[in-house]
Amino acid sequence: MDFNEYQQLANRTLEGNEHVLTNLSLGLASGTGSVIELIKKYTFQGADLDNEQLEHELGDVLWYLSQVALWANIDFDDVAKQNIAELKKRYPHSSHH
């Protein structure tokens, strides 16, 4: 599955009203907070890193990101490609591209 396909499939679950972008932004912040909370508990409280919960929360963040992009008529594939291009410019000597 590519990012554009994901974006379209994920859109089937978006509840629409005049406040869609605000709802998406709040959901993105909330999902990101959940990821941070899991990492904080792991890093500072000695908890095991719950990979299953982390994967779930990352999926939520991915969903919100994809829908913000779709709302703005931005192909999610293009977001990923642009990010990789920027990373290659920023870190031209990195062996991780």
N, C-alpha and C. Protein backbone atom coordinates (compact mmCIF):
# COMPACT_ATOMS: atom_id res chain seq x y z
N MET A 1 0.84 -1.18 0.00
CA MET A 1 0.00 0.00 0.00
C MET A 1 0.89 1.25 0.00
N ASP A 2 0.58 2.21 -0.87
CA ASP A 2 1.33 3.45 -0.85
C ASP A 2 0.58 4.49 -0.01
N PHE A 3 1.22 5.61 0.24
CA PHE A 3 0.64 6.62 1.12
C PHE A 3 -0.65 7.20 0.56
N ASN A 4 -0.74 7.39 -0.76
CA ASN A 4 -1.96 7.95 -1.33
C ASN A 4 -3.13 6.98 -1.15
N GLU A 5 -2.87 5.70 -1.33
CA GLU A 5 -3.92 4.70 -1.12
C GLU A 5 -4.36 4.71 0.34
N TYR A 6 -3.39 4.76 1.25
CA TYR A 6 -3.72 4.83 2.67
C TYR A 6 -4.60 6.05 2.96
N GLN A 7 -4.21 7.19 2.40
CA GLN A 7 -4.92 8.44 2.63
C GLN A 7 -6.39 8.31 2.21
N GLN A 8 -6.62 7.73 1.06
CA GLN A 8 -7.99 7.58 0.56
C GLN A 8 -8.79 6.58 1.40
N LEU A 9 -8.17 5.46 1.75
CA LEU A 9 -8.86 4.46 2.56
C LEU A 9 -9.16 5.00 3.95
N ALA A 10 -8.23 5.74 4.52
CA ALA A 10 -8.44 6.31 5.84
C ALA A 10 -9.56 7.33 5.84
N ASN A 11 -9.75 8.01 4.73
CA ASN A 11 -10.76 9.06 4.64
C ASN A 11 -12.18 8.53 4.82
N ARG A 12 -12.38 7.25 4.59
CA ARG A 12 -13.73 6.69 4.73
C ARG A 12 -14.26 6.81 6.15
N THR A 13 -13.37 6.99 7.12
CA THR A 13 -13.80 7.07 8.51
C THR A 13 -13.83 8.50 9.06
N LEU A 14 -13.56 9.49 8.22
CA LEU A 14 -13.55 10.87 8.67
C LEU A 14 -14.97 11.39 8.79
N GLU A 15 -15.30 11.87 9.98
CA GLU A 15 -16.60 12.50 10.19
C GLU A 15 -16.49 13.95 9.75
N GLY A 16 -17.36 14.37 8.85
CA GLY A 16 -17.23 15.70 8.28
C GLY A 16 -18.18 16.71 8.86
N ASN A 17 -17.69 17.90 9.12
CA ASN A 17 -18.52 19.07 9.42
C ASN A 17 -17.67 20.30 9.15
N GLU A 18 -18.17 21.46 9.52
CA GLU A 18 -17.44 22.68 9.18
C GLU A 18 -16.16 22.85 9.99
N HIS A 19 -15.95 22.01 11.00
CA HIS A 19 -14.77 22.12 11.85
C HIS A 19 -13.80 20.97 11.65
N VAL A 20 -13.79 20.39 10.46
CA VAL A 20 -12.97 19.21 10.21
C VAL A 20 -11.49 19.46 10.49
N LEU A 21 -10.94 20.54 9.99
CA LEU A 21 -9.51 20.79 10.15
C LEU A 21 -9.14 20.99 11.62
N THR A 22 -9.98 21.69 12.36
CA THR A 22 -9.74 21.87 13.79
C THR A 22 -9.79 20.53 14.50
N ASN A 23 -10.77 19.72 14.19
CA ASN A 23 -10.89 18.39 14.78
C ASN A 23 -9.65 17.55 14.47
N LEU A 24 -9.19 17.59 13.24
CA LEU A 24 -8.01 16.83 12.84
C LEU A 24 -6.77 17.32 13.59
N SER A 25 -6.63 18.63 13.71
CA SER A 25 -5.47 19.19 14.40
C SER A 25 -5.47 18.80 15.88
N LEU A 26 -6.62 18.85 16.51
CA LEU A 26 -6.71 18.45 17.91
C LEU A 26 -6.42 16.96 18.08
N GLY A 27 -6.93 16.15 17.17
CA GLY A 27 -6.66 14.72 17.21
C GLY A 27 -5.19 14.42 17.00
N LEU A 28 -4.55 15.16 16.10
CA LEU A 28 -3.11 14.99 15.86
C LEU A 28 -2.32 15.32 17.12
N ALA A 29 -2.67 16.41 17.78
CA ALA A 29 -1.98 16.79 19.01
C ALA A 29 -2.21 15.75 20.10
N SER A 30 -3.41 15.27 20.22
CA SER A 30 -3.74 14.26 21.23
C SER A 30 -3.00 12.95 20.97
N GLY A 31 -2.98 12.51 19.72
CA GLY A 31 -2.27 11.28 19.35
C GLY A 31 -0.78 11.39 19.58
N THR A 32 -0.24 12.55 19.24
CA THR A 32 1.18 12.79 19.47
C THR A 32 1.48 12.77 20.96
N GLY A 33 0.59 13.35 21.74
CA GLY A 33 0.75 13.33 23.18
C GLY A 33 0.76 11.91 23.74
N SER A 34 -0.06 11.05 23.17
CA SER A 34 -0.10 9.65 23.61
C SER A 34 1.21 8.94 23.31
N VAL A 35 1.79 9.22 22.15
CA VAL A 35 3.10 8.65 21.79
C VAL A 35 4.15 9.14 22.79
N ILE A 36 4.13 10.43 23.06
CA ILE A 36 5.10 11.02 24.00
C ILE A 36 4.95 10.42 25.39
N GLU A 37 3.72 10.20 25.82
CA GLU A 37 3.47 9.63 27.14
C GLU A 37 4.06 8.23 27.27
N LEU A 38 3.89 7.41 26.24
CA LEU A 38 4.47 6.07 26.26
C LEU A 38 5.99 6.12 26.34
N ILE A 39 6.59 7.01 25.59
CA ILE A 39 8.05 7.13 25.59
C ILE A 39 8.54 7.70 26.92
N LYS A 40 7.80 8.64 27.49
CA LYS A 40 8.16 9.22 28.78
C LYS A 40 8.15 8.14 29.87
N LYS A 41 7.12 7.32 29.88
CA LYS A 41 7.03 6.25 30.88
C LYS A 41 8.19 5.27 30.73
N TYR A 42 8.56 4.99 29.50
CA TYR A 42 9.68 4.09 29.22
C TYR A 42 11.01 4.73 29.67
N THR A 43 11.20 5.98 29.29
CA THR A 43 12.48 6.64 29.52
C THR A 43 12.70 7.02 30.98
N PHE A 44 11.66 7.55 31.63
CA PHE A 44 11.86 8.13 32.95
C PHE A 44 11.22 7.35 34.10
N GLN A 45 10.31 6.41 33.78
CA GLN A 45 9.62 5.71 34.86
C GLN A 45 9.91 4.21 34.88
N GLY A 46 10.83 3.78 34.01
CA GLY A 46 11.24 2.39 34.02
C GLY A 46 10.22 1.40 33.48
N ALA A 47 9.19 1.91 32.81
CA ALA A 47 8.18 1.01 32.25
C ALA A 47 8.73 0.32 31.00
N ASP A 48 8.22 -0.87 30.72
CA ASP A 48 8.54 -1.51 29.45
C ASP A 48 7.91 -0.69 28.33
N LEU A 49 8.57 -0.64 27.19
CA LEU A 49 7.98 0.05 26.04
C LEU A 49 6.93 -0.86 25.45
N ASP A 50 5.70 -0.41 25.49
CA ASP A 50 4.57 -1.19 24.99
C ASP A 50 4.47 -1.00 23.48
N ASN A 51 5.16 -1.88 22.73
CA ASN A 51 5.21 -1.72 21.27
C ASN A 51 3.84 -1.83 20.63
N GLU A 52 2.98 -2.66 21.17
CA GLU A 52 1.63 -2.80 20.59
C GLU A 52 0.85 -1.49 20.74
N GLN A 53 0.91 -0.90 21.92
CA GLN A 53 0.23 0.38 22.14
C GLN A 53 0.89 1.49 21.34
N LEU A 54 2.22 1.47 21.26
CA LEU A 54 2.94 2.48 20.48
C LEU A 54 2.54 2.39 19.01
N GLU A 55 2.46 1.18 18.49
CA GLU A 55 2.04 1.00 17.09
C GLU A 55 0.64 1.55 16.88
N HIS A 56 -0.25 1.29 17.83
CA HIS A 56 -1.62 1.81 17.75
C HIS A 56 -1.63 3.34 17.71
N GLU A 57 -0.87 3.95 18.62
CA GLU A 57 -0.84 5.41 18.70
C GLU A 57 -0.20 6.02 17.46
N LEU A 58 0.87 5.40 16.95
CA LEU A 58 1.49 5.87 15.72
C LEU A 58 0.51 5.78 14.55
N GLY A 59 -0.30 4.74 14.53
CA GLY A 59 -1.33 4.62 13.50
C GLY A 59 -2.34 5.75 13.58
N ASP A 60 -2.72 6.11 14.80
CA ASP A 60 -3.64 7.24 14.97
C ASP A 60 -3.02 8.53 14.43
N VAL A 61 -1.75 8.76 14.77
CA VAL A 61 -1.06 9.96 14.29
C VAL A 61 -0.99 9.95 12.76
N LEU A 62 -0.67 8.79 12.19
CA LEU A 62 -0.60 8.66 10.73
C LEU A 62 -1.95 8.99 10.10
N TRP A 63 -3.03 8.50 10.71
CA TRP A 63 -4.38 8.77 10.20
C TRP A 63 -4.65 10.27 10.18
N TYR A 64 -4.38 10.93 11.31
CA TYR A 64 -4.63 12.37 11.37
C TYR A 64 -3.78 13.13 10.37
N LEU A 65 -2.50 12.78 10.25
CA LEU A 65 -1.64 13.44 9.27
C LEU A 65 -2.18 13.27 7.85
N SER A 66 -2.60 12.06 7.53
CA SER A 66 -3.09 11.79 6.18
C SER A 66 -4.34 12.61 5.87
N GLN A 67 -5.18 12.80 6.88
CA GLN A 67 -6.43 13.52 6.64
C GLN A 67 -6.25 15.03 6.60
N VAL A 68 -5.30 15.56 7.36
CA VAL A 68 -4.96 16.98 7.23
C VAL A 68 -4.46 17.25 5.81
N ALA A 69 -3.58 16.38 5.33
CA ALA A 69 -3.06 16.53 3.96
C ALA A 69 -4.19 16.43 2.94
N LEU A 70 -5.07 15.45 3.11
CA LEU A 70 -6.18 15.29 2.16
C LEU A 70 -7.08 16.51 2.17
N TRP A 71 -7.38 17.03 3.34
CA TRP A 71 -8.22 18.22 3.46
C TRP A 71 -7.63 19.38 2.66
N ALA A 72 -6.29 19.45 2.66
CA ALA A 72 -5.60 20.53 1.94
C ALA A 72 -5.26 20.14 0.50
N ASN A 73 -5.81 19.02 0.02
CA ASN A 73 -5.55 18.54 -1.34
C ASN A 73 -4.08 18.29 -1.60
N ILE A 74 -3.40 17.72 -0.61
CA ILE A 74 -1.99 17.36 -0.73
C ILE A 74 -1.89 15.84 -0.71
N ASP A 75 -1.31 15.27 -1.77
CA ASP A 75 -1.12 13.83 -1.81
C ASP A 75 -0.14 13.43 -0.72
N PHE A 76 -0.52 12.42 0.05
CA PHE A 76 0.32 11.98 1.16
C PHE A 76 1.65 11.43 0.65
N ASP A 77 1.62 10.82 -0.52
CA ASP A 77 2.86 10.34 -1.16
C ASP A 77 3.83 11.51 -1.38
N ASP A 78 3.27 12.65 -1.79
CA ASP A 78 4.11 13.82 -2.03
C ASP A 78 4.72 14.34 -0.73
N VAL A 79 3.98 14.23 0.38
CA VAL A 79 4.52 14.63 1.68
C VAL A 79 5.76 13.79 1.99
N ALA A 80 5.64 12.47 1.81
CA ALA A 80 6.76 11.57 2.10
C ALA A 80 7.94 11.84 1.17
N LYS A 81 7.66 12.02 -0.13
CA LYS A 81 8.74 12.28 -1.09
C LYS A 81 9.46 13.59 -0.79
N GLN A 82 8.70 14.63 -0.48
CA GLN A 82 9.28 15.93 -0.17
C GLN A 82 10.14 15.85 1.08
N ASN A 83 9.68 15.10 2.07
CA ASN A 83 10.44 14.96 3.31
C ASN A 83 11.76 14.25 3.06
N ILE A 84 11.76 13.19 2.26
CA ILE A 84 12.99 12.47 1.94
C ILE A 84 13.94 13.36 1.15
N ALA A 85 13.41 14.12 0.21
CA ALA A 85 14.25 15.04 -0.57
C ALA A 85 14.90 16.07 0.35
N GLU A 86 14.15 16.59 1.30
CA GLU A 86 14.68 17.57 2.24
C GLU A 86 15.76 16.96 3.13
N LEU A 87 15.53 15.74 3.58
CA LEU A 87 16.53 15.05 4.42
C LEU A 87 17.82 14.81 3.65
N LYS A 88 17.70 14.47 2.36
CA LYS A 88 18.89 14.25 1.54
C LYS A 88 19.69 15.54 1.38
N LYS A 89 18.98 16.69 1.27
CA LYS A 89 19.67 17.97 1.17
C LYS A 89 20.32 18.34 2.50
N ARG A 90 19.60 18.11 3.57
CA ARG A 90 20.08 18.49 4.90
C ARG A 90 21.25 17.62 5.36
N TYR A 91 21.21 16.35 4.98
CA TYR A 91 22.25 15.40 5.41
C TYR A 91 22.85 14.69 4.19
N PRO A 92 23.56 15.43 3.34
CA PRO A 92 24.03 14.86 2.07
C PRO A 92 25.05 13.73 2.25
N HIS A 93 25.73 13.68 3.37
CA HIS A 93 26.78 12.67 3.56
C HIS A 93 26.32 11.51 4.41
N SER A 94 25.07 11.48 4.75
CA SER A 94 24.54 10.38 5.57
C SER A 94 24.47 9.10 4.76
N SER A 95 24.80 8.00 5.37
CA SER A 95 24.75 6.71 4.67
C SER A 95 23.37 6.08 4.77
N HIS A 96 22.41 6.78 5.37
CA HIS A 96 21.09 6.21 5.60
C HIS A 96 20.06 6.69 4.59
N HIS A 97 20.44 6.95 3.32
CA HIS A 97 19.40 7.31 2.38
C HIS A 97 19.20 6.27 1.39
